[in-house]
PDB file of all heavy atoms in Angstrom:
ATOM      1  N   GLY A   1    -143.016 -56.232   0.113  1.00  0.00           N
ATOM      2  CA  GLY A   1    -141.790 -56.585   0.797  1.00  0.00           C
ATOM      3  C   GLY A   1    -141.563 -58.078   0.875  1.00  0.00           C
ATOM      4  O   GLY A   1    -142.255 -58.877   0.228  1.00  0.00           O
ATOM      5  N   GLN A   2    -140.592 -58.456   1.683  1.00  0.00           N
ATOM      6  CA  GLN A   2    -140.105 -59.823   1.767  1.00  0.00           C
ATOM      7  C   GLN A   2    -141.192 -60.800   2.195  1.00  0.00           C
ATOM      8  O   GLN A   2    -141.915 -60.567   3.159  1.00  0.00           O
ATOM      9  CB  GLN A   2    -138.948 -59.888   2.765  1.00  0.00           C
ATOM     10  CG  GLN A   2    -138.022 -61.065   2.554  1.00  0.00           C
ATOM     11  CD  GLN A   2    -137.052 -60.841   1.409  1.00  0.00           C
ATOM     12  OE1 GLN A   2    -136.620 -59.723   1.167  1.00  0.00           O
ATOM     13  NE2 GLN A   2    -136.716 -61.895   0.701  1.00  0.00           N
ATOM     14  N   THR A   3    -141.316 -61.905   1.446  1.00  0.00           N
ATOM     15  CA  THR A   3    -142.250 -62.971   1.813  1.00  0.00           C
ATOM     16  C   THR A   3    -141.519 -64.278   2.088  1.00  0.00           C
ATOM     17  O   THR A   3    -142.139 -65.249   2.493  1.00  0.00           O
ATOM     18  CB  THR A   3    -143.281 -63.204   0.691  1.00  0.00           C
ATOM     19  OG1 THR A   3    -142.591 -63.463  -0.538  1.00  0.00           O
ATOM     20  CG2 THR A   3    -144.173 -61.997   0.521  1.00  0.00           C
ATOM     21  N   ASP A   4    -140.240 -64.290   1.823  1.00  0.00           N
ATOM     22  CA  ASP A   4    -139.430 -65.477   2.080  1.00  0.00           C
ATOM     23  C   ASP A   4    -138.205 -65.061   2.881  1.00  0.00           C
ATOM     24  O   ASP A   4    -138.014 -63.866   3.183  1.00  0.00           O
ATOM     25  CB  ASP A   4    -139.015 -66.133   0.756  1.00  0.00           C
ATOM     26  CG  ASP A   4    -138.534 -67.567   0.929  1.00  0.00           C
ATOM     27  OD1 ASP A   4    -138.527 -68.038   2.076  1.00  0.00           O
ATOM     28  OD2 ASP A   4    -138.171 -68.198  -0.083  1.00  0.00           O
ATOM     29  N   GLN A   5    -137.359 -65.997   3.212  1.00  0.00           N
ATOM     30  CA  GLN A   5    -136.167 -65.703   3.987  1.00  0.00           C
ATOM     31  C   GLN A   5    -135.270 -64.715   3.258  1.00  0.00           C
ATOM     32  O   GLN A   5    -135.055 -64.820   2.050  1.00  0.00           O
ATOM     33  CB  GLN A   5    -135.382 -66.996   4.250  1.00  0.00           C
ATOM     34  CG  GLN A   5    -134.107 -66.793   5.061  1.00  0.00           C
ATOM     35  CD  GLN A   5    -133.339 -68.091   5.252  1.00  0.00           C
ATOM     36  OE1 GLN A   5    -133.773 -69.132   4.763  1.00  0.00           O
ATOM     37  NE2 GLN A   5    -132.231 -68.035   5.947  1.00  0.00           N
ATOM     38  N   ASP A   6    -134.763 -63.746   3.973  1.00  0.00           N
ATOM     39  CA  ASP A   6    -133.842 -62.762   3.421  1.00  0.00           C
ATOM     40  C   ASP A   6    -132.447 -63.376   3.389  1.00  0.00           C
ATOM     41  O   ASP A   6    -131.627 -63.159   4.286  1.00  0.00           O
ATOM     42  CB  ASP A   6    -133.870 -61.486   4.265  1.00  0.00           C
ATOM     43  CG  ASP A   6    -133.062 -60.346   3.638  1.00  0.00           C
ATOM     44  OD1 ASP A   6    -132.563 -60.533   2.511  1.00  0.00           O
ATOM     45  OD2 ASP A   6    -132.926 -59.302   4.289  1.00  0.00           O
ATOM     46  N   VAL A   7    -132.170 -64.164   2.344  1.00  0.00           N
ATOM     47  CA  VAL A   7    -130.943 -64.954   2.315  1.00  0.00           C
ATOM     48  C   VAL A   7    -129.686 -64.093   2.254  1.00  0.00           C
ATOM     49  O   VAL A   7    -128.603 -64.538   2.627  1.00  0.00           O
ATOM     50  CB  VAL A   7    -130.960 -65.942   1.126  1.00  0.00           C
ATOM     51  CG1 VAL A   7    -132.073 -66.953   1.301  1.00  0.00           C
ATOM     52  CG2 VAL A   7    -131.087 -65.207  -0.200  1.00  0.00           C
ATOM     53  N   THR A   8    -129.811 -62.862   1.775  1.00  0.00           N
ATOM     54  CA  THR A   8    -128.649 -61.972   1.714  1.00  0.00           C
ATOM     55  C   THR A   8    -128.499 -61.131   2.970  1.00  0.00           C
ATOM     56  O   THR A   8    -127.505 -60.402   3.098  1.00  0.00           O
ATOM     57  CB  THR A   8    -128.769 -61.029   0.503  1.00  0.00           C
ATOM     58  OG1 THR A   8    -129.909 -60.179   0.665  1.00  0.00           O
ATOM     59  CG2 THR A   8    -128.923 -61.818  -0.801  1.00  0.00           C
ATOM     60  N   PHE A   9    -129.478 -61.193   3.869  1.00  0.00           N
ATOM     61  CA  PHE A   9    -129.478 -60.388   5.099  1.00  0.00           C
ATOM     62  C   PHE A   9    -129.313 -58.896   4.782  1.00  0.00           C
ATOM     63  O   PHE A   9    -128.728 -58.146   5.551  1.00  0.00           O
ATOM     64  CB  PHE A   9    -128.373 -60.846   6.057  1.00  0.00           C
ATOM     65  CG  PHE A   9    -128.563 -62.243   6.561  1.00  0.00           C
ATOM     66  CD1 PHE A   9    -127.914 -63.308   5.940  1.00  0.00           C
ATOM     67  CD2 PHE A   9    -129.416 -62.506   7.624  1.00  0.00           C
ATOM     68  CE1 PHE A   9    -128.103 -64.610   6.388  1.00  0.00           C
ATOM     69  CE2 PHE A   9    -129.607 -63.810   8.077  1.00  0.00           C
ATOM     70  CZ  PHE A   9    -128.947 -64.861   7.456  1.00  0.00           C
ATOM     71  N   ALA A  10    -129.848 -58.489   3.628  1.00  0.00           N
ATOM     72  CA  ALA A  10    -129.721 -57.089   3.223  1.00  0.00           C
ATOM     73  C   ALA A  10    -130.687 -56.192   3.980  1.00  0.00           C
ATOM     74  O   ALA A  10    -130.409 -55.004   4.179  1.00  0.00           O
ATOM     75  CB  ALA A  10    -129.973 -56.959   1.720  1.00  0.00           C
ATOM     76  N   GLN A  11    -131.847 -56.709   4.357  1.00  0.00           N
ATOM     77  CA  GLN A  11    -132.871 -55.964   5.085  1.00  0.00           C
ATOM     78  C   GLN A  11    -133.266 -54.673   4.347  1.00  0.00           C
ATOM     79  O   GLN A  11    -133.407 -53.609   4.929  1.00  0.00           O
ATOM     80  CB  GLN A  11    -132.388 -55.629   6.505  1.00  0.00           C
ATOM     81  CG  GLN A  11    -132.127 -56.861   7.354  1.00  0.00           C
ATOM     82  CD  GLN A  11    -131.772 -56.532   8.789  1.00  0.00           C
ATOM     83  OE1 GLN A  11    -131.784 -55.375   9.190  1.00  0.00           O
ATOM     84  NE2 GLN A  11    -131.465 -57.556   9.573  1.00  0.00           N
ATOM     85  N   ILE A  12    -133.437 -54.784   3.039  1.00  0.00           N
ATOM     86  CA  ILE A  12    -133.824 -53.620   2.240  1.00  0.00           C
ATOM     87  C   ILE A  12    -135.217 -53.792   1.639  1.00  0.00           C
ATOM     88  O   ILE A  12    -135.642 -52.986   0.810  1.00  0.00           O
ATOM     89  CB  ILE A  12    -132.815 -53.359   1.099  1.00  0.00           C
ATOM     90  CG1 ILE A  12    -132.726 -54.575   0.167  1.00  0.00           C
ATOM     91  CG2 ILE A  12    -131.455 -53.002   1.673  1.00  0.00           C
ATOM     92  CD1 ILE A  12    -131.866 -54.352  -1.060  1.00  0.00           C
ATOM     93  N   ALA A  13    -135.927 -54.851   2.038  1.00  0.00           N
ATOM     94  CA  ALA A  13    -137.285 -55.089   1.528  1.00  0.00           C
ATOM     95  C   ALA A  13    -138.210 -55.383   2.695  1.00  0.00           C
ATOM     96  O   ALA A  13    -138.837 -56.436   2.775  1.00  0.00           O
ATOM     97  CB  ALA A  13    -137.293 -56.240   0.519  1.00  0.00           C
ATOM     98  N   GLN A  14    -138.277 -54.438   3.625  1.00  0.00           N
ATOM     99  CA  GLN A  14    -139.110 -54.617   4.809  1.00  0.00           C
ATOM    100  C   GLN A  14    -140.587 -54.633   4.420  1.00  0.00           C
ATOM    101  O   GLN A  14    -141.025 -53.879   3.555  1.00  0.00           O
ATOM    102  CB  GLN A  14    -138.842 -53.492   5.806  1.00  0.00           C
ATOM    103  CG  GLN A  14    -137.386 -53.412   6.272  1.00  0.00           C
ATOM    104  CD  GLN A  14    -136.936 -54.667   6.983  1.00  0.00           C
ATOM    105  OE1 GLN A  14    -137.607 -55.137   7.898  1.00  0.00           O
ATOM    106  NE2 GLN A  14    -135.805 -55.214   6.577  1.00  0.00           N
ATOM    107  N   THR A  15    -141.361 -55.482   5.084  1.00  0.00           N
ATOM    108  CA  THR A  15    -142.776 -55.635   4.761  1.00  0.00           C
ATOM    109  C   THR A  15    -143.573 -54.408   5.206  1.00  0.00           C
ATOM    110  O   THR A  15    -143.390 -53.897   6.307  1.00  0.00           O
ATOM    111  CB  THR A  15    -143.337 -56.885   5.444  1.00  0.00           C
ATOM    112  OG1 THR A  15    -142.572 -58.016   5.028  1.00  0.00           O
ATOM    113  CG2 THR A  15    -144.789 -57.095   5.079  1.00  0.00           C
ATOM    114  N   LYS A  16    -144.463 -53.966   4.305  1.00  0.00           N
ATOM    115  CA  LYS A  16    -145.276 -52.790   4.603  1.00  0.00           C
ATOM    116  C   LYS A  16    -146.594 -52.891   3.849  1.00  0.00           C
ATOM    117  O   LYS A  16    -146.608 -53.242   2.656  1.00  0.00           O
ATOM    118  CB  LYS A  16    -144.531 -51.511   4.204  1.00  0.00           C
ATOM    119  CG  LYS A  16    -145.265 -50.225   4.549  1.00  0.00           C
ATOM    120  CD  LYS A  16    -144.385 -49.023   4.252  1.00  0.00           C
ATOM    121  CE  LYS A  16    -145.041 -47.729   4.694  1.00  0.00           C
ATOM    122  NZ  LYS A  16    -144.150 -46.553   4.511  1.00  0.00           N
ATOM    123  N   GLN A  17    -147.699 -52.590   4.515  1.00  0.00           N
ATOM    124  CA  GLN A  17    -149.007 -52.584   3.866  1.00  0.00           C
ATOM    125  C   GLN A  17    -149.155 -51.284   3.079  1.00  0.00           C
ATOM    126  O   GLN A  17    -149.065 -50.196   3.636  1.00  0.00           O
ATOM    127  CB  GLN A  17    -150.124 -52.677   4.911  1.00  0.00           C
ATOM    128  CG  GLN A  17    -151.529 -52.667   4.324  1.00  0.00           C
ATOM    129  CD  GLN A  17    -152.014 -54.053   3.934  1.00  0.00           C
ATOM    130  OE1 GLN A  17    -151.522 -55.042   4.457  1.00  0.00           O
ATOM    131  NE2 GLN A  17    -152.958 -54.108   3.010  1.00  0.00           N
ATOM    132  N   VAL A  18    -149.367 -51.400   1.770  1.00  0.00           N
ATOM    133  CA  VAL A  18    -149.506 -50.213   0.927  1.00  0.00           C
ATOM    134  C   VAL A  18    -150.708 -50.381   0.009  1.00  0.00           C
ATOM    135  O   VAL A  18    -151.204 -51.492  -0.218  1.00  0.00           O
ATOM    136  CB  VAL A  18    -148.235 -49.951   0.086  1.00  0.00           C
ATOM    137  CG1 VAL A  18    -147.012 -49.764   0.976  1.00  0.00           C
ATOM    138  CG2 VAL A  18    -147.999 -51.071  -0.908  1.00  0.00           C
ATOM    139  N   THR A  19    -151.166 -49.256  -0.534  1.00  0.00           N
ATOM    140  CA  THR A  19    -152.286 -49.240  -1.475  1.00  0.00           C
ATOM    141  C   THR A  19    -151.816 -48.635  -2.796  1.00  0.00           C
ATOM    142  O   THR A  19    -151.096 -47.631  -2.806  1.00  0.00           O
ATOM    143  CB  THR A  19    -153.458 -48.423  -0.922  1.00  0.00           C
ATOM    144  OG1 THR A  19    -153.920 -49.035   0.289  1.00  0.00           O
ATOM    145  CG2 THR A  19    -154.607 -48.361  -1.918  1.00  0.00           C
ATOM    146  N   VAL A  20    -152.229 -49.247  -3.881  1.00  0.00           N
ATOM    147  CA  VAL A  20    -151.846 -48.794  -5.214  1.00  0.00           C
ATOM    148  C   VAL A  20    -153.116 -48.500  -6.010  1.00  0.00           C
ATOM    149  O   VAL A  20    -153.994 -49.363  -6.123  1.00  0.00           O
ATOM    150  CB  VAL A  20    -151.003 -49.859  -5.942  1.00  0.00           C
ATOM    151  CG1 VAL A  20    -150.692 -49.421  -7.359  1.00  0.00           C
ATOM    152  CG2 VAL A  20    -149.715 -50.136  -5.182  1.00  0.00           C
ATOM    153  N   PRO A  21    -153.269 -47.290  -6.557  1.00  0.00           N
ATOM    154  CA  PRO A  21    -154.438 -46.976  -7.400  1.00  0.00           C
ATOM    155  C   PRO A  21    -154.392 -47.777  -8.699  1.00  0.00           C
ATOM    156  O   PRO A  21    -153.343 -48.294  -9.082  1.00  0.00           O
ATOM    157  CB  PRO A  21    -154.285 -45.468  -7.667  1.00  0.00           C
ATOM    158  CG  PRO A  21    -153.288 -44.979  -6.663  1.00  0.00           C
ATOM    159  CD  PRO A  21    -152.387 -46.130  -6.373  1.00  0.00           C
ATOM    160  N   PRO A  22    -155.508 -47.887  -9.414  1.00  0.00           N
ATOM    161  CA  PRO A  22    -155.532 -48.668 -10.660  1.00  0.00           C
ATOM    162  C   PRO A  22    -154.695 -48.025 -11.755  1.00  0.00           C
ATOM    163  O   PRO A  22    -154.518 -46.799 -11.794  1.00  0.00           O
ATOM    164  CB  PRO A  22    -157.018 -48.691 -11.027  1.00  0.00           C
ATOM    165  CG  PRO A  22    -157.595 -47.483 -10.367  1.00  0.00           C
ATOM    166  CD  PRO A  22    -156.824 -47.304  -9.102  1.00  0.00           C
ATOM    167  N   PHE A  23    -154.201 -48.850 -12.652  1.00  0.00           N
ATOM    168  CA  PHE A  23    -153.392 -48.357 -13.767  1.00  0.00           C
ATOM    169  C   PHE A  23    -153.392 -49.389 -14.882  1.00  0.00           C
ATOM    170  O   PHE A  23    -153.784 -50.549 -14.701  1.00  0.00           O
ATOM    171  CB  PHE A  23    -151.960 -48.046 -13.317  1.00  0.00           C
ATOM    172  CG  PHE A  23    -151.219 -49.218 -12.722  1.00  0.00           C
ATOM    173  CD1 PHE A  23    -150.395 -50.024 -13.496  1.00  0.00           C
ATOM    174  CD2 PHE A  23    -151.335 -49.511 -11.371  1.00  0.00           C
ATOM    175  CE1 PHE A  23    -149.710 -51.091 -12.950  1.00  0.00           C
ATOM    176  CE2 PHE A  23    -150.649 -50.585 -10.806  1.00  0.00           C
ATOM    177  CZ  PHE A  23    -149.837 -51.376 -11.595  1.00  0.00           C
ATOM    178  N   PHE A  24    -152.974 -48.952 -16.062  1.00  0.00           N
ATOM    179  CA  PHE A  24    -152.746 -49.841 -17.187  1.00  0.00           C
ATOM    180  C   PHE A  24    -151.247 -50.131 -17.273  1.00  0.00           C
ATOM    181  O   PHE A  24    -150.433 -49.265 -17.002  1.00  0.00           O
ATOM    182  CB  PHE A  24    -153.218 -49.216 -18.504  1.00  0.00           C
ATOM    183  CG  PHE A  24    -154.680 -48.893 -18.545  1.00  0.00           C
ATOM    184  CD1 PHE A  24    -155.117 -47.578 -18.454  1.00  0.00           C
ATOM    185  CD2 PHE A  24    -155.626 -49.902 -18.691  1.00  0.00           C
ATOM    186  CE1 PHE A  24    -156.460 -47.270 -18.495  1.00  0.00           C
ATOM    187  CE2 PHE A  24    -156.976 -49.597 -18.731  1.00  0.00           C
ATOM    188  CZ  PHE A  24    -157.397 -48.279 -18.635  1.00  0.00           C
ATOM    189  N   MET A  25    -150.919 -51.347 -17.675  1.00  0.00           N
ATOM    190  CA  MET A  25    -149.514 -51.723 -17.796  1.00  0.00           C
ATOM    191  C   MET A  25    -149.293 -52.497 -19.092  1.00  0.00           C
ATOM    192  O   MET A  25    -150.156 -53.283 -19.513  1.00  0.00           O
ATOM    193  CB  MET A  25    -149.091 -52.583 -16.603  1.00  0.00           C
ATOM    194  CG  MET A  25    -147.598 -52.826 -16.490  1.00  0.00           C
ATOM    195  SD  MET A  25    -147.188 -53.751 -14.986  1.00  0.00           S
ATOM    196  CE  MET A  25    -145.535 -53.141 -14.658  1.00  0.00           C
ATOM    197  N   ASP A  26    -148.153 -52.251 -19.735  1.00  0.00           N
ATOM    198  CA  ASP A  26    -147.826 -53.018 -20.929  1.00  0.00           C
ATOM    199  C   ASP A  26    -147.863 -54.501 -20.616  1.00  0.00           C
ATOM    200  O   ASP A  26    -147.258 -54.957 -19.641  1.00  0.00           O
ATOM    201  CB  ASP A  26    -146.435 -52.645 -21.438  1.00  0.00           C
ATOM    202  CG  ASP A  26    -146.417 -51.319 -22.188  1.00  0.00           C
ATOM    203  OD1 ASP A  26    -147.476 -50.923 -22.704  1.00  0.00           O
ATOM    204  OD2 ASP A  26    -145.347 -50.688 -22.253  1.00  0.00           O
ATOM    205  N   GLN A  27    -148.570 -55.246 -21.447  1.00  0.00           N
ATOM    206  CA  GLN A  27    -148.693 -56.679 -21.210  1.00  0.00           C
ATOM    207  C   GLN A  27    -147.343 -57.378 -21.332  1.00  0.00           C
ATOM    208  O   GLN A  27    -147.100 -58.379 -20.663  1.00  0.00           O
ATOM    209  CB  GLN A  27    -149.690 -57.282 -22.200  1.00  0.00           C
ATOM    210  CG  GLN A  27    -150.027 -58.734 -21.928  1.00  0.00           C
ATOM    211  CD  GLN A  27    -151.101 -59.257 -22.853  1.00  0.00           C
ATOM    212  OE1 GLN A  27    -151.253 -58.784 -23.979  1.00  0.00           O
ATOM    213  NE2 GLN A  27    -151.860 -60.245 -22.409  1.00  0.00           N
ATOM    214  N   MET A  28    -146.482 -56.823 -22.159  1.00  0.00           N
ATOM    215  CA  MET A  28    -145.170 -57.430 -22.400  1.00  0.00           C
ATOM    216  C   MET A  28    -144.081 -56.369 -22.297  1.00  0.00           C
ATOM    217  O   MET A  28    -144.351 -55.166 -22.336  1.00  0.00           O
ATOM    218  CB  MET A  28    -145.130 -58.087 -23.787  1.00  0.00           C
ATOM    219  CG  MET A  28    -146.249 -59.071 -24.041  1.00  0.00           C
ATOM    220  SD  MET A  28    -146.311 -59.591 -25.764  1.00  0.00           S
ATOM    221  CE  MET A  28    -147.953 -60.341 -25.834  1.00  0.00           C
ATOM    222  N   GLU A  29    -142.871 -56.819 -22.189  1.00  0.00           N
ATOM    223  CA  GLU A  29    -141.732 -55.914 -22.158  1.00  0.00           C
ATOM    224  C   GLU A  29    -141.628 -55.177 -23.498  1.00  0.00           C
ATOM    225  O   GLU A  29    -142.040 -55.684 -24.541  1.00  0.00           O
ATOM    226  CB  GLU A  29    -140.445 -56.714 -21.901  1.00  0.00           C
ATOM    227  CG  GLU A  29    -140.429 -57.418 -20.560  1.00  0.00           C
ATOM    228  CD  GLU A  29    -139.685 -58.739 -20.585  1.00  0.00           C
ATOM    229  OE1 GLU A  29    -139.620 -59.365 -21.662  1.00  0.00           O
ATOM    230  OE2 GLU A  29    -139.178 -59.147 -19.523  1.00  0.00           O
ATOM    231  N   THR A  30    -141.082 -53.973 -23.469  1.00  0.00           N
ATOM    232  CA  THR A  30    -140.900 -53.199 -24.696  1.00  0.00           C
ATOM    233  C   THR A  30    -139.954 -53.942 -25.627  1.00  0.00           C
ATOM    234  O   THR A  30    -138.847 -54.322 -25.232  1.00  0.00           O
ATOM    235  CB  THR A  30    -140.334 -51.813 -24.376  1.00  0.00           C
ATOM    236  OG1 THR A  30    -141.221 -51.135 -23.484  1.00  0.00           O
ATOM    237  CG2 THR A  30    -140.176 -50.988 -25.643  1.00  0.00           C
TER     238      THR A  30
END
């Protein structure tokens, strides 16, 4: 979620502690 000022005041990126399991990701865009 948000780490800087919400300049748009949208309030759609509220901070939340989450856990993500491991994964592989394409190093570059397709």
